[in-house]
PDB file of N, CA and C in Angstrom:
ATOM      1  N   MET A   1     137.323  61.927  76.716  1.00  0.00           N
ATOM      2  CA  MET A   1     138.045  61.641  77.966  1.00  0.00           C
ATOM      3  C   MET A   1     139.319  62.672  77.662  1.00  0.00           C
ATOM      4  N   ASN A   2     139.425  63.740  78.534  1.00  0.00           N
ATOM      5  CA  ASN A   2     141.020  64.455  78.497  1.00  0.00           C
ATOM      6  C   ASN A   2     141.801  63.914  79.267  1.00  0.00           C
ATOM      7  N   LYS A   3     143.161  63.564  78.690  1.00  0.00           N
ATOM      8  CA  LYS A   3     144.100  62.920  79.357  1.00  0.00           C
ATOM      9  C   LYS A   3     145.052  63.999  79.568  1.00  0.00           C
ATOM     10  N   ARG A   4     145.516  64.201  80.736  1.00  0.00           N
ATOM     11  CA  ARG A   4     146.569  65.145  81.081  1.00  0.00           C
ATOM     12  C   ARG A   4     147.876  64.567  80.599  1.00  0.00           C
ATOM     13  N   VAL A   5     148.585  65.591  79.902  1.00  0.00           N
ATOM     14  CA  VAL A   5     150.046  65.009  79.449  1.00  0.00           C
ATOM     15  C   VAL A   5     150.944  65.946  79.893  1.00  0.00           C
ATOM     16  N   ASP A   6     152.373  65.400  79.976  1.00  0.00           N
ATOM     17  CA  ASP A   6     153.358  66.098  80.267  1.00  0.00           C
ATOM     18  C   ASP A   6     153.405  67.542  79.253  1.00  0.00           C
ATOM     19  N   HIS A   7     154.110  68.433  80.060  1.00  0.00           N
ATOM     20  CA  HIS A   7     154.021  69.657  78.829  1.00  0.00           C
ATOM     21  C   HIS A   7     154.844  69.473  77.757  1.00  0.00           C
ATOM     22  N   PRO A   8     154.613  69.339  76.656  1.00  0.00           N
ATOM     23  CA  PRO A   8     155.563  69.118  75.496  1.00  0.00           C
ATOM     24  C   PRO A   8     156.515  70.179  75.032  1.00  0.00           C
ATOM     25  N   ILE A   9     156.192  71.349  75.596  1.00  0.00           N
ATOM     26  CA  ILE A   9     156.994  72.661  74.778  1.00  0.00           C
ATOM     27  C   ILE A   9     157.948  73.464  75.888  1.00  0.00           C
ATOM     28  N   SER A  10     157.528  73.551  76.944  1.00  0.00           N
ATOM     29  CA  SER A  10     158.949  74.267  78.026  1.00  0.00           C
ATOM     30  C   SER A  10     160.145  73.548  77.763  1.00  0.00           C
ATOM     31  N   PRO A  11     160.478  72.395  77.658  1.00  0.00           N
ATOM     32  CA  PRO A  11     161.833  71.954  77.670  1.00  0.00           C
ATOM     33  C   PRO A  11     162.662  72.239  76.211  1.00  0.00           C
ATOM     34  N   LEU A  12     161.634  72.927  75.254  1.00  0.00           N
ATOM     35  CA  LEU A  12     162.401  73.259  74.041  1.00  0.00           C
ATOM     36  C   LEU A  12     162.785  74.885  74.030  1.00  0.00           C
ATOM     37  N   VAL A  13     162.243  75.423  75.152  1.00  0.00           N
ATOM     38  CA  VAL A  13     162.625  77.033  75.373  1.00  0.00           C
ATOM     39  C   VAL A  13     163.897  77.213  76.207  1.00  0.00           C
ATOM     40  N   ALA A  14     165.065  77.517  75.528  1.00  0.00           N
ATOM     41  CA  ALA A  14     166.146  77.445  76.356  1.00  0.00           C
ATOM     42  C   ALA A  14     166.122  78.900  76.912  1.00  0.00           C
ATOM     43  N   PRO A  15     166.687  78.828  78.444  1.00  0.00           N
ATOM     44  CA  PRO A  15     166.672  79.984  79.343  1.00  0.00           C
ATOM     45  C   PRO A  15     167.802  80.910  78.624  1.00  0.00           C
ATOM     46  N   GLY A  16     167.276  82.231  78.675  1.00  0.00           N
ATOM     47  CA  GLY A  16     168.059  83.342  78.180  1.00  0.00           C
ATOM     48  C   GLY A  16     168.095  83.751  76.873  1.00  0.00           C
ATOM     49  N   THR A  17     167.307  82.793  76.009  1.00  0.00           N
ATOM     50  CA  THR A  17     167.133  83.033  74.482  1.00  0.00           C
ATOM     51  C   THR A  17     165.967  83.984  74.127  1.00  0.00           C
ATOM     52  N   VAL A  18     165.909  84.149  73.078  1.00  0.00           N
ATOM     53  CA  VAL A  18     165.002  85.174  72.567  1.00  0.00           C
ATOM     54  C   VAL A  18     163.609  84.442  72.550  1.00  0.00           C
ATOM     55  N   GLU A  19     163.651  83.087  72.445  1.00  0.00           N
ATOM     56  CA  GLU A  19     162.256  82.480  72.764  1.00  0.00           C
ATOM     57  C   GLU A  19     161.837  82.413  74.506  1.00  0.00           C
ATOM     58  N   ALA A  20     162.917  82.709  75.203  1.00  0.00           N
ATOM     59  CA  ALA A  20     162.653  82.498  76.671  1.00  0.00           C
ATOM     60  C   ALA A  20     162.193  83.879  76.880  1.00  0.00           C
ATOM     61  N   ARG A  21     162.529  84.993  76.045  1.00  0.00           N
ATOM     62  CA  ARG A  21     162.163  86.202  76.784  1.00  0.00           C
ATOM     63  C   ARG A  21     160.569  86.602  75.893  1.00  0.00           C
ATOM     64  N   LEU A  22     160.710  86.493  74.630  1.00  0.00           N
ATOM     65  CA  LEU A  22     159.510  86.877  73.710  1.00  0.00           C
ATOM     66  C   LEU A  22     158.444  85.947  73.454  1.00  0.00           C
ATOM     67  N   GLY A  23     158.712  84.510  73.625  1.00  0.00           N
ATOM     68  CA  GLY A  23     157.875  83.489  73.070  1.00  0.00           C
ATOM     69  C   GLY A  23     156.671  83.573  74.015  1.00  0.00           C
ATOM     70  N   VAL A  24     155.708  83.212  73.256  1.00  0.00           N
ATOM     71  CA  VAL A  24     154.434  83.155  73.824  1.00  0.00           C
ATOM     72  C   VAL A  24     154.262  81.968  74.481  1.00  0.00           C
ATOM     73  N   LEU A  25     155.088  80.828  74.349  1.00  0.00           N
ATOM     74  CA  LEU A  25     154.718  79.644  75.020  1.00  0.00           C
ATOM     75  C   LEU A  25     155.347  79.463  76.160  1.00  0.00           C
ATOM     76  N   ARG A  26     156.342  80.491  76.829  1.00  0.00           N
ATOM     77  CA  ARG A  26     157.088  80.284  78.108  1.00  0.00           C
ATOM     78  C   ARG A  26     155.797  80.608  79.159  1.00  0.00           C
ATOM     79  N   HIS A  27     154.883  81.242  78.903  1.00  0.00           N
ATOM     80  CA  HIS A  27     153.915  81.353  79.913  1.00  0.00           C
ATOM     81  C   HIS A  27     152.869  80.311  80.206  1.00  0.00           C
ATOM     82  N   SER A  28     152.998  79.375  79.219  1.00  0.00           N
ATOM     83  CA  SER A  28     152.005  78.283  79.410  1.00  0.00           C
ATOM     84  C   SER A  28     152.412  77.146  80.496  1.00  0.00           C
ATOM     85  N   ASP A  29     151.554  76.272  80.663  1.00  0.00           N
ATOM     86  CA  ASP A  29     151.715  75.361  81.388  1.00  0.00           C
ATOM     87  C   ASP A  29     150.995  73.795  81.082  1.00  0.00           C
ATOM     88  N   ALA A  30     151.184  72.733  81.605  1.00  0.00           N
ATOM     89  CA  ALA A  30     150.777  71.641  81.149  1.00  0.00           C
ATOM     90  C   ALA A  30     149.040  71.792  81.140  1.00  0.00           C
ATOM     91  N   GLY A  31     148.513  72.581  82.164  1.00  0.00           N
ATOM     92  CA  GLY A  31     147.304  72.428  82.305  1.00  0.00           C
ATOM     93  C   GLY A  31     146.476  73.409  80.881  1.00  0.00           C
ATOM     94  N   ALA A  32     147.360  74.180  80.433  1.00  0.00           N
ATOM     95  CA  ALA A  32     147.089  74.996  79.382  1.00  0.00           C
ATOM     96  C   ALA A  32     146.439  74.239  78.016  1.00  0.00           C
ATOM     97  N   HIS A  33     147.027  72.726  77.928  1.00  0.00           N
ATOM     98  CA  HIS A  33     146.842  72.187  76.602  1.00  0.00           C
ATOM     99  C   HIS A  33     145.832  71.136  76.988  1.00  0.00           C
ATOM    100  N   LYS A  34     144.745  71.505  75.791  1.00  0.00           N
ATOM    101  CA  LYS A  34     143.589  70.676  75.807  1.00  0.00           C
ATOM    102  C   LYS A  34     143.235  69.905  74.520  1.00  0.00           C
ATOM    103  N   ALA A  35     142.943  68.827  74.855  1.00  0.00           N
ATOM    104  CA  ALA A  35     142.724  67.954  73.537  1.00  0.00           C
ATOM    105  C   ALA A  35     141.554  67.855  72.865  1.00  0.00           C
ATOM    106  N   GLN A  36     140.196  68.596  73.435  1.00  0.00           N
ATOM    107  CA  GLN A  36     139.213  68.724  73.089  1.00  0.00           C
ATOM    108  C   GLN A  36     138.693  70.286  73.020  1.00  0.00           C
ATOM    109  N   PRO A  37     137.882  70.322  71.990  1.00  0.00           N
ATOM    110  CA  PRO A  37     137.483  69.706  70.842  1.00  0.00           C
ATOM    111  C   PRO A  37     138.260  69.483  69.671  1.00  0.00           C
ATOM    112  N   PHE A  38     139.739  69.892  69.887  1.00  0.00           N
ATOM    113  CA  PHE A  38     140.811  69.632  68.985  1.00  0.00           C
ATOM    114  C   PHE A  38     141.953  70.094  69.852  1.00  0.00           C
ATOM    115  N   PRO A  39     143.180  69.704  69.558  1.00  0.00           N
ATOM    116  CA  PRO A  39     144.228  70.071  70.341  1.00  0.00           C
ATOM    117  C   PRO A  39     144.556  71.548  70.000  1.00  0.00           C
ATOM    118  N   HIS A  40     144.834  72.308  71.402  1.00  0.00           N
ATOM    119  CA  HIS A  40     144.888  73.514  71.427  1.00  0.00           C
ATOM    120  C   HIS A  40     145.734  73.778  72.704  1.00  0.00           C
ATOM    121  N   LEU A  41     146.107  75.286  72.953  1.00  0.00           N
ATOM    122  CA  LEU A  41     146.771  75.874  73.994  1.00  0.00           C
ATOM    123  C   LEU A  41     145.793  77.119  74.352  1.00  0.00           C
ATOM    124  N   ARG A  42     145.438  77.234  75.415  1.00  0.00           N
ATOM    125  CA  ARG A  42     145.123  78.329  75.909  1.00  0.00           C
ATOM    126  C   ARG A  42     146.039  79.449  76.828  1.00  0.00           C
ATOM    127  N   ILE A  43     146.545  80.592  76.592  1.00  0.00           N
ATOM    128  CA  ILE A  43     147.338  81.241  77.418  1.00  0.00           C
ATOM    129  C   ILE A  43     147.038  82.618  77.544  1.00  0.00           C
ATOM    130  N   ASP A  44     146.613  82.792  78.954  1.00  0.00           N
ATOM    131  CA  ASP A  44     146.411  84.103  79.310  1.00  0.00           C
ATOM    132  C   ASP A  44     147.610  84.888  79.485  1.00  0.00           C
ATOM    133  N   GLN A  45     147.563  86.376  79.060  1.00  0.00           N
ATOM    134  CA  GLN A  45     148.655  87.056  79.124  1.00  0.00           C
ATOM    135  C   GLN A  45     149.780  86.447  78.803  1.00  0.00           C
ATOM    136  N   ALA A  46     149.880  86.163  77.449  1.00  0.00           N
ATOM    137  CA  ALA A  46     151.140  85.105  76.786  1.00  0.00           C
ATOM    138  C   ALA A  46     152.274  86.262  76.746  1.00  0.00           C
ATOM    139  N   LEU A  47     152.391  87.502  76.831  1.00  0.00           N
ATOM    140  CA  LEU A  47     153.583  88.391  76.709  1.00  0.00           C
ATOM    141  C   LEU A  47     153.764  89.015  77.893  1.00  0.00           C
ATOM    142  N   ASP A  48     154.731  89.490  78.521  1.00  0.00           N
ATOM    143  CA  ASP A  48     154.758  90.315  79.588  1.00  0.00           C
ATOM    144  C   ASP A  48     154.142  91.776  79.172  1.00  0.00           C
ATOM    145  N   THR A  49     153.856  92.643  79.955  1.00  0.00           N
ATOM    146  CA  THR A  49     153.436  93.673  79.822  1.00  0.00           C
ATOM    147  C   THR A  49     154.276  94.851  79.160  1.00  0.00           C
ATOM    148  N   ALA A  50     155.613  94.783  79.354  1.00  0.00           N
ATOM    149  CA  ALA A  50     156.486  95.568  78.807  1.00  0.00           C
ATOM    150  C   ALA A  50     156.816  94.807  77.566  1.00  0.00           C
ATOM    151  N   ASP A  51     156.969  94.023  77.263  1.00  0.00           N
ATOM    152  CA  ASP A  51     157.104  93.340  75.719  1.00  0.00           C
ATOM    153  C   ASP A  51     155.794  93.670  74.971  1.00  0.00           C
ATOM    154  N   TYR A  52     154.630  93.537  75.391  1.00  0.00           N
ATOM    155  CA  TYR A  52     153.344  93.787  74.490  1.00  0.00           C
ATOM    156  C   TYR A  52     153.385  95.174  74.414  1.00  0.00           C
ATOM    157  N   GLN A  53     153.746  96.163  75.252  1.00  0.00           N
ATOM    158  CA  GLN A  53     153.492  97.695  75.159  1.00  0.00           C
ATOM    159  C   GLN A  53     154.412  97.907  73.886  1.00  0.00           C
ATOM    160  N   ALA A  54     155.731  97.281  74.291  1.00  0.00           N
ATOM    161  CA  ALA A  54     156.979  97.671  72.958  1.00  0.00           C
ATOM    162  C   ALA A  54     156.447  97.398  71.438  1.00  0.00           C
ATOM    163  N   LEU A  55     155.681  96.042  71.429  1.00  0.00           N
ATOM    164  CA  LEU A  55     155.298  95.608  70.111  1.00  0.00           C
ATOM    165  C   LEU A  55     154.147  96.449  69.748  1.00  0.00           C
ATOM    166  N   THR A  56     153.458  96.836  70.690  1.00  0.00           N
ATOM    167  CA  THR A  56     152.491  97.814  70.169  1.00  0.00           C
ATOM    168  C   THR A  56     152.576  99.090  69.540  1.00  0.00           C
ATOM    169  N   ALA A  57     153.658  99.785  70.452  1.00  0.00           N
ATOM    170  CA  ALA A  57     154.178 101.133  70.096  1.00  0.00           C
ATOM    171  C   ALA A  57     155.093 101.017  68.889  1.00  0.00           C
ATOM    172  N   SER A  58     155.581  99.973  68.384  1.00  0.00           N
ATOM    173  CA  SER A  58     156.363 100.055  67.431  1.00  0.00           C
ATOM    174  C   SER A  58     155.835  99.354  66.223  1.00  0.00           C
ATOM    175  N   PHE A  59     154.236  99.046  66.246  1.00  0.00           N
ATOM    176  CA  PHE A  59     153.851  98.470  65.425  1.00  0.00           C
ATOM    177  C   PHE A  59     153.700  99.583  63.907  1.00  0.00           C
ATOM    178  N   PRO A  60     154.095  99.135  62.782  1.00  0.00           N
ATOM    179  CA  PRO A  60     154.180 100.107  61.597  1.00  0.00           C
ATOM    180  C   PRO A  60     152.635 100.435  61.373  1.00  0.00           C
ATOM    181  N   PRO A  61     152.469 101.588  60.572  1.00  0.00           N
ATOM    182  CA  PRO A  61     151.271 102.123  60.161  1.00  0.00           C
ATOM    183  C   PRO A  61     150.657 101.125  58.973  1.00  0.00           C
ATOM    184  N   LEU A  62     149.425 101.152  59.004  1.00  0.00           N
ATOM    185  CA  LEU A  62     148.670 100.077  57.753  1.00  0.00           C
ATOM    186  C   LEU A  62     149.587 100.278  56.646  1.00  0.00           C
ATOM    187  N   GLU A  63     149.786 101.597  56.375  1.00  0.00           N
ATOM    188  CA  GLU A  63     150.159 101.815  54.793  1.00  0.00           C
ATOM    189  C   GLU A  63     151.513 100.970  54.550  1.00  0.00           C
ATOM    190  N   HIS A  64     152.104 100.629  55.649  1.00  0.00           N
ATOM    191  CA  HIS A  64     153.434  99.873  55.437  1.00  0.00           C
ATOM    192  C   HIS A  64     153.012  98.406  54.897  1.00  0.00           C
ATOM    193  N   PHE A  65     151.674  98.193  55.084  1.00  0.00           N
ATOM    194  CA  PHE A  65     151.481  96.635  54.425  1.00  0.00           C
ATOM    195  C   PHE A  65     150.927  96.770  53.188  1.00  0.00           C
ATOM    196  N   ARG A  66     150.250  97.841  52.858  1.00  0.00           N
ATOM    197  CA  ARG A  66     149.337  98.145  51.680  1.00  0.00           C
ATOM    198  C   ARG A  66     149.201  99.763  51.349  1.00  0.00           C
ATOM    199  N   PRO A  67     149.512 100.549  50.358  1.00  0.00           N
ATOM    200  CA  PRO A  67     149.405 101.900  50.511  1.00  0.00           C
ATOM    201  C   PRO A  67     148.110 102.291  50.751  1.00  0.00           C
ATOM    202  N   ASP A  68     147.100 101.376  50.388  1.00  0.00           N
ATOM    203  CA  ASP A  68     145.445 101.851  50.650  1.00  0.00           C
ATOM    204  C   ASP A  68     144.773 101.132  51.720  1.00  0.00           C
ATOM    205  N   ALA A  69     145.632 100.478  52.719  1.00  0.00           N
ATOM    206  CA  ALA A  69     145.215 100.013  53.558  1.00  0.00           C
ATOM    207  C   ALA A  69     144.092 100.457  54.603  1.00  0.00           C
ATOM    208  N   ALA A  70     144.439 101.781  54.715  1.00  0.00           N
ATOM    209  CA  ALA A  70     143.397 102.350  55.901  1.00  0.00           C
ATOM    210  C   ALA A  70     142.096 102.604  55.208  1.00  0.00           C
ATOM    211  N   THR A  71     141.972 102.455  53.986  1.00  0.00           N
ATOM    212  CA  THR A  71     140.695 102.640  53.399  1.00  0.00           C
ATOM    213  C   THR A  71     139.858 101.227  53.248  1.00  0.00           C
ATOM    214  N   LEU A  72     140.564 100.307  53.495  1.00  0.00           N
ATOM    215  CA  LEU A  72     139.832  98.902  53.459  1.00  0.00           C
ATOM    216  C   LEU A  72     139.133  98.554  54.591  1.00  0.00           C
ATOM    217  N   ASN A  73     138.095  97.968  54.298  1.00  0.00           N
ATOM    218  CA  ASN A  73     137.249  97.538  55.416  1.00  0.00           C
ATOM    219  C   ASN A  73     137.045  95.777  55.469  1.00  0.00           C
ATOM    220  N   ASN A  74     137.207  95.236  56.627  1.00  0.00           N
ATOM    221  CA  ASN A  74     137.241  93.617  56.730  1.00  0.00           C
ATOM    222  C   ASN A  74     138.147  92.958  55.766  1.00  0.00           C
ATOM    223  N   ARG A  75     139.388  93.409  55.845  1.00  0.00           N
ATOM    224  CA  ARG A  75     140.224  92.823  54.901  1.00  0.00           C
ATOM    225  C   ARG A  75     141.265  92.299  55.835  1.00  0.00           C
ATOM    226  N   VAL A  76     142.107  91.145  55.328  1.00  0.00           N
ATOM    227  CA  VAL A  76     142.990  90.700  56.036  1.00  0.00           C
ATOM    228  C   VAL A  76     144.517  91.004  55.274  1.00  0.00           C
ATOM    229  N   LEU A  77     145.341  91.378  55.852  1.00  0.00           N
ATOM    230  CA  LEU A  77     146.514  92.056  55.456  1.00  0.00           C
ATOM    231  C   LEU A  77     147.686  91.096  55.931  1.00  0.00           C
ATOM    232  N   ARG A  78     148.330  90.284  55.224  1.00  0.00           N
ATOM    233  CA  ARG A  78     149.254  89.196  55.773  1.00  0.00           C
ATOM    234  C   ARG A  78     150.553  89.282  55.273  1.00  0.00           C
ATOM    235  N   LEU A  79     151.653  89.396  56.245  1.00  0.00           N
ATOM    236  CA  LEU A  79     153.120  88.873  55.988  1.00  0.00           C
ATOM    237  C   LEU A  79     153.533  87.812  56.576  1.00  0.00           C
ATOM    238  N   SER A  80     154.254  87.248  56.188  1.00  0.00           N
ATOM    239  CA  SER A  80     155.137  86.049  56.660  1.00  0.00           C
ATOM    240  C   SER A  80     156.153  86.504  57.690  1.00  0.00           C
ATOM    241  N   ALA A  81     156.534  85.624  58.671  1.00  0.00           N
ATOM    242  CA  ALA A  81     157.338  85.966  59.614  1.00  0.00           C
ATOM    243  C   ALA A  81     159.092  86.272  59.039  1.00  0.00           C
ATOM    244  N   SER A  82     159.226  85.772  58.029  1.00  0.00           N
ATOM    245  CA  SER A  82     160.215  86.101  56.892  1.00  0.00           C
ATOM    246  C   SER A  82     160.494  87.633  56.453  1.00  0.00           C
ATOM    247  N   GLN A  83     159.085  88.001  55.970  1.00  0.00           N
ATOM    248  CA  GLN A  83     158.889  89.314  55.539  1.00  0.00           C
ATOM    249  C   GLN A  83     159.193  90.264  56.663  1.00  0.00           C
ATOM    250  N   VAL A  84     158.408  90.014  57.600  1.00  0.00           N
ATOM    251  CA  VAL A  84     158.780  90.958  58.637  1.00  0.00           C
ATOM    252  C   VAL A  84     160.136  90.776  58.976  1.00  0.00           C
ATOM    253  N   ILE A  85     160.962  89.946  59.236  1.00  0.00           N
ATOM    254  CA  ILE A  85     162.241  90.078  59.495  1.00  0.00           C
ATOM    255  C   ILE A  85     163.132  90.457  58.634  1.00  0.00           C
ATOM    256  N   ALA A  86     162.987  90.622  57.352  1.00  0.00           N
ATOM    257  CA  ALA A  86     163.691  91.090  56.179  1.00  0.00           C
ATOM    258  C   ALA A  86     163.511  92.631  55.751  1.00  0.00           C
ATOM    259  N   GLU A  87     162.129  92.888  56.129  1.00  0.00           N
ATOM    260  CA  GLU A  87     161.661  94.431  55.743  1.00  0.00           C
ATOM    261  C   GLU A  87     162.145  95.685  57.038  1.00  0.00           C
ATOM    262  N   GLU A  88     162.872  96.555  56.350  1.00  0.00           N
ATOM    263  CA  GLU A  88     163.214  97.912  56.936  1.00  0.00           C
ATOM    264  C   GLU A  88     162.314  98.289  58.217  1.00  0.00           C
ATOM    265  N   GLY A  89     160.741  98.563  57.728  1.00  0.00           N
ATOM    266  CA  GLY A  89     160.020  99.047  58.475  1.00  0.00           C
ATOM    267  C   GLY A  89     159.663  98.388  59.677  1.00  0.00           C
ATOM    268  N   PHE A  90     160.027  97.192  60.184  1.00  0.00           N
ATOM    269  CA  PHE A  90     159.730  96.620  61.225  1.00  0.00           C
ATOM    270  C   PHE A  90     160.801  96.720  62.404  1.00  0.00           C
ATOM    271  N   SER A  91     160.538  96.942  63.382  1.00  0.00           N
ATOM    272  CA  SER A  91     161.405  97.456  64.761  1.00  0.00           C
ATOM    273  C   SER A  91     162.092  96.181  65.041  1.00  0.00           C
ATOM    274  N   THR A  92     163.142  96.262  65.663  1.00  0.00           N
ATOM    275  CA  THR A  92     164.049  95.124  66.290  1.00  0.00           C
ATOM    276  C   THR A  92     163.012  94.197  67.137  1.00  0.00           C
ATOM    277  N   GLN A  93     162.141  94.880  67.862  1.00  0.00           N
ATOM    278  CA  GLN A  93     161.297  94.008  68.792  1.00  0.00           C
ATOM    279  C   GLN A  93     160.469  93.080  67.866  1.00  0.00           C
ATOM    280  N   TRP A  94     159.826  93.553  66.929  1.00  0.00           N
ATOM    281  CA  TRP A  94     159.039  92.656  66.063  1.00  0.00           C
ATOM    282  C   TRP A  94     159.872  91.946  65.336  1.00  0.00           C
ATOM    283  N   LYS A  95     161.124  92.115  64.865  1.00  0.00           N
ATOM    284  CA  LYS A  95     161.728  91.094  64.184  1.00  0.00           C
ATOM    285  C   LYS A  95     162.340  90.107  65.034  1.00  0.00           C
ATOM    286  N   ALA A  96     162.592  90.423  66.495  1.00  0.00           N
ATOM    287  CA  ALA A  96     162.852  89.355  67.427  1.00  0.00           C
ATOM    288  C   ALA A  96     161.732  88.442  67.928  1.00  0.00           C
ATOM    289  N   PHE A  97     160.429  89.205  67.981  1.00  0.00           N
ATOM    290  CA  PHE A  97     159.219  88.392  68.211  1.00  0.00           C
ATOM    291  C   PHE A  97     159.029  87.221  67.206  1.00  0.00           C
ATOM    292  N   MET A  98     159.175  87.918  65.754  1.00  0.00           N
ATOM    293  CA  MET A  98     158.876  86.850  64.853  1.00  0.00           C
ATOM    294  C   MET A  98     159.738  85.486  64.580  1.00  0.00           C
ATOM    295  N   GLU A  99     160.930  85.781  65.201  1.00  0.00           N
ATOM    296  CA  GLU A  99     162.213  84.807  64.845  1.00  0.00           C
ATOM    297  C   GLU A  99     161.743  83.403  65.391  1.00  0.00           C
TER     298      GLU A  99
END
């Protein structure tokens, strides 16, 4: 049984903050929350087009993650949000998005 719940996230996003501008949850609504088969949100177009394009355009080259990254196949290259914020190779858009 799916129980409709009040949206638990929107009140946490203060207007005018980075979260309000770049946060993917700001485009969600109560209908986006589903309890089955596990609790999750589905958000179509979570970012504004301009923000998405800015993030895409400023994504660093793969070599920034690992020198041989371009030669790897089917590998996951992970950096934490704190690493992205601390490292110089990421744009201000990426740092703001990860905060």
